[in-house]
Each structure stands twice: as C-alpha cells, then as structure tokens.
Protein backbone atom coordinates (compact mmCIF):
# COMPACT_ATOMS: atom_id res chain seq x y z
CA MET A 1 -10.38 -13.57 0.90
CA PRO A 2 -8.30 -10.70 -1.38
CA ASP A 3 -9.89 -7.58 -2.07
CA ASN A 4 -11.13 -7.18 -5.63
CA LYS A 5 -9.72 -4.12 -7.31
CA VAL A 6 -11.90 -3.61 -9.65
CA LEU A 7 -14.40 -2.69 -7.35
CA ARG A 8 -13.27 0.44 -5.40
CA GLY A 9 -15.04 1.87 -2.72
CA GLN A 10 -15.68 2.01 1.28
CA ARG A 11 -15.73 -1.58 1.33
CA ASP A 12 -12.27 -1.99 -0.61
CA ARG A 13 -10.70 0.95 1.68
CA ASN A 14 -11.38 -1.37 5.02
CA ARG A 15 -9.66 -4.24 4.02
CA ILE A 16 -5.60 -4.74 3.52
CA ASP A 17 -4.98 -7.53 0.73
CA VAL A 18 -1.84 -9.70 2.04
CA ASN A 19 -0.76 -10.32 -1.46
CA ASP A 20 -0.81 -6.63 -2.43
CA ARG A 21 2.98 -5.14 -1.78
CA ALA A 22 1.52 -1.62 -2.40
CA GLU A 23 -1.07 -2.23 0.67
CA VAL A 24 1.89 -4.07 2.80
CA GLU A 25 4.17 -1.12 2.13
CA TYR A 26 1.43 1.43 3.11
CA VAL A 27 1.21 -0.05 6.46
CA HIS A 28 4.76 -0.54 6.68
CA TYR A 29 5.18 3.52 6.13
CA GLN A 30 2.90 4.00 9.38
CA PHE A 31 4.71 1.66 11.07
CA PRO A 32 8.84 1.24 10.03
CA TRP A 33 9.78 -0.19 12.75
CA LEU A 34 8.23 -3.76 12.09
CA SER A 35 9.15 -5.88 9.58
CA HIS A 36 7.25 -6.61 6.21
CA GLN A 37 6.70 -10.04 7.37
CA GLU A 38 5.66 -8.94 10.67
CA ILE A 39 2.88 -7.22 9.05
CA LYS A 40 1.82 -9.76 6.73
CA ASP A 41 1.45 -12.13 9.78
CA ALA A 42 -0.41 -9.54 11.64
CA ILE A 43 -2.90 -9.69 8.66
CA LYS A 44 -2.69 -12.99 8.43
CA LYS A 45 -3.70 -13.19 12.09
CA HIS A 46 -6.46 -10.72 12.63
CA GLY A 47 -7.73 -11.26 8.94
CA PRO A 48 -8.07 -8.56 6.24
CA ASP A 49 -10.01 -5.68 8.16
CA ARG A 50 -7.95 -2.72 8.36
CA ASP A 51 -9.09 -1.22 11.52
CA ALA A 52 -8.44 -4.80 13.46
CA VAL A 53 -5.05 -4.48 11.98
CA LEU A 54 -4.03 -1.30 12.91
CA SER A 55 -5.35 -1.43 15.81
CA PHE A 56 -3.26 -4.26 16.83
CA LEU A 57 -0.08 -2.62 15.70
CA GLU A 58 -0.43 0.32 17.35
CA ARG A 59 -0.86 -2.01 20.65
CA ALA A 60 2.10 -4.16 19.78
CA GLY A 61 4.41 -1.10 19.11
CA SER A 62 3.40 0.56 22.56
CA THR A 63 4.56 -2.63 24.28
CA LYS A 64 7.56 -2.87 22.41
CA GLU A 65 8.38 0.71 23.07
CA ARG A 66 7.73 0.03 27.23
CA ASP A 67 10.00 -2.79 26.62
CA SER A 68 13.07 -1.09 25.10
C-alpha cells in the first residue's frame, strides 16, 4: 500500500514507497553498492516498513562484504 503524501508525520516517515523515485533514491544513497532494482525487490519482499527494509539491507551488505 503506497503511503499518502498528503498525510505527513511519523507514520509516513516509517514507510518506503517503492513507486516513489525519491524514496528509493534515498535508500540507494545509503546503500550505494546495491542497484535500484535490488532495493525495490527488498521493499517488495519485506514490505514498506523502513526499519525492516534497512535492517535486511544492512545484513545483506555485511554478508556481501564477507563474501568479497
């Protein structure tokens, strides 16, 4: 469910809208080694909850660094 851009506040800050380029780009800025598609896939898999997505991406990033 996309978040409502009219209603702003804590609930909006806790969600990532996969269809909003700016929100996906902001996450990409935090995880530049991931492609935009990988970030979108993570959002679709783990839902729009920002904490859940960022936690997954952090774990995935630390695993990727160990594999290198």
